[in-house]
Structure formats: C-alpha cells, structure tokens
Amino acid sequence: MFEKNGYDFIRNDKKNDVYRERDFIVIKVFQNLVNQRDIQFNNAVKLVIDRFGKGAFETRTGIVRDEQEKEIT
C-alpha cells in the first residue's frame, strides 16, 4: 500500500526490501496514527507519505528531523 501511494523502498538483487532508518520511522509513525489516534489505514498511509515520502526526509537536517518526529508522535 505504501508503494502504491508513492513511497519507495530499496530492494536488493533478490527483490527483498532493504529498510533504511527513515523506513523504520515511517512505519512507527504509521502505527501511531492507526493505533493511538484511530485514523483509518488508508488515510494514515497517505498522511505518512505526504510527510516523509518522495525524498523530502533526506534533505532535512538532524535537528529539524528530530523536532518533526516529536510533532507527529
């Protein structure tokens, strides 16, 4: 569902997903939205992708990234 909505995972030569630090953060935020804030699965995926997807995450500094994670979680 993440990939269908534009979020890219890295795959190795055997077509297995290779998870980056950002992927774990995305999954954690997604779980928080679904479990603690009772947001529907599809809407949570879109919110997370809007926030972290399409390469925006890598362009931020560590300080900004830490503050944004606090706002979401």
Protein backbone atom coordinates (compact mmCIF):
# COMPACT_ATOMS: atom_id res chain seq x y z
CA MET A 1 0.00 0.00 0.00
CA PHE A 2 2.88 2.38 0.73
CA GLU A 3 4.45 1.79 -2.67
CA LYS A 4 1.13 2.14 -4.48
CA ASN A 5 0.88 5.61 -2.97
CA GLY A 6 4.37 6.72 -3.97
CA TYR A 7 6.63 5.64 -1.11
CA ASP A 8 9.78 3.93 -2.36
CA PHE A 9 11.55 1.07 -0.62
CA ILE A 10 15.02 -0.03 -1.69
CA ARG A 11 15.27 -3.60 -2.98
CA ASN A 12 18.35 -5.79 -3.18
CA ASP A 13 19.27 -8.00 -6.13
CA LYS A 14 16.94 -10.73 -4.83
CA LYS A 15 14.00 -8.28 -4.81
CA ASN A 16 13.86 -8.18 -1.00
CA ASP A 17 13.17 -4.89 0.77
CA VAL A 18 16.16 -3.20 2.38
CA TYR A 19 15.00 -0.93 5.19
CA ARG A 20 16.61 2.41 5.95
CA GLU A 21 16.36 4.39 9.17
CA ARG A 22 13.68 6.56 7.56
CA ASP A 23 11.61 3.46 6.76
CA PHE A 24 11.51 2.46 10.42
CA ILE A 25 10.45 5.99 11.37
CA VAL A 26 7.73 5.97 8.72
CA ILE A 27 6.41 2.63 9.97
CA LYS A 28 6.49 3.81 13.61
CA VAL A 29 4.57 7.00 12.77
CA PHE A 30 2.08 4.99 10.70
CA GLN A 31 1.48 2.59 13.59
CA ASN A 32 0.98 5.52 15.96
CA LEU A 33 -1.62 7.10 13.68
CA VAL A 34 -3.57 3.85 13.30
CA ASN A 35 -3.31 2.51 16.85
CA GLN A 36 -3.29 5.59 19.07
CA ARG A 37 -5.09 8.20 17.01
CA ASP A 38 -7.61 5.82 15.42
CA ILE A 39 -7.00 7.05 11.87
CA GLN A 40 -8.14 4.73 9.10
CA PHE A 41 -5.42 2.62 7.50
CA ASN A 42 -5.63 4.24 4.03
CA ASN A 43 -5.65 7.77 5.44
CA ALA A 44 -2.70 7.01 7.72
CA VAL A 45 -0.65 5.76 4.76
CA LYS A 46 -1.37 8.94 2.82
CA LEU A 47 -0.54 11.17 5.79
CA VAL A 48 2.78 9.43 6.36
CA ILE A 49 3.72 9.56 2.68
CA ASP A 50 2.80 13.25 2.48
CA ARG A 51 5.09 13.87 5.44
CA PHE A 52 8.06 11.58 4.65
CA GLY A 53 7.75 10.25 1.12
CA LYS A 54 9.31 11.25 -2.16
CA GLY A 55 12.75 12.07 -0.79
CA ALA A 56 11.83 15.02 1.41
CA PHE A 57 13.17 13.29 4.52
CA GLU A 58 16.80 13.14 3.37
CA THR A 59 17.05 16.87 2.69
CA ARG A 60 16.37 17.90 6.29
CA THR A 61 19.00 18.33 8.95
CA GLY A 62 19.06 16.10 12.01
CA ILE A 63 17.77 18.88 14.26
CA VAL A 64 14.77 19.62 12.07
CA ARG A 65 14.06 15.92 11.61
CA ASP A 66 14.09 15.29 15.38
CA GLU A 67 11.66 18.15 16.00
CA GLN A 68 9.29 16.95 13.28
CA GLU A 69 9.28 13.43 14.69
CA LYS A 70 8.27 14.83 18.09
CA GLU A 71 5.36 16.70 16.49
CA ILE A 72 3.99 13.56 14.83
CA THR A 73 4.46 11.03 17.62
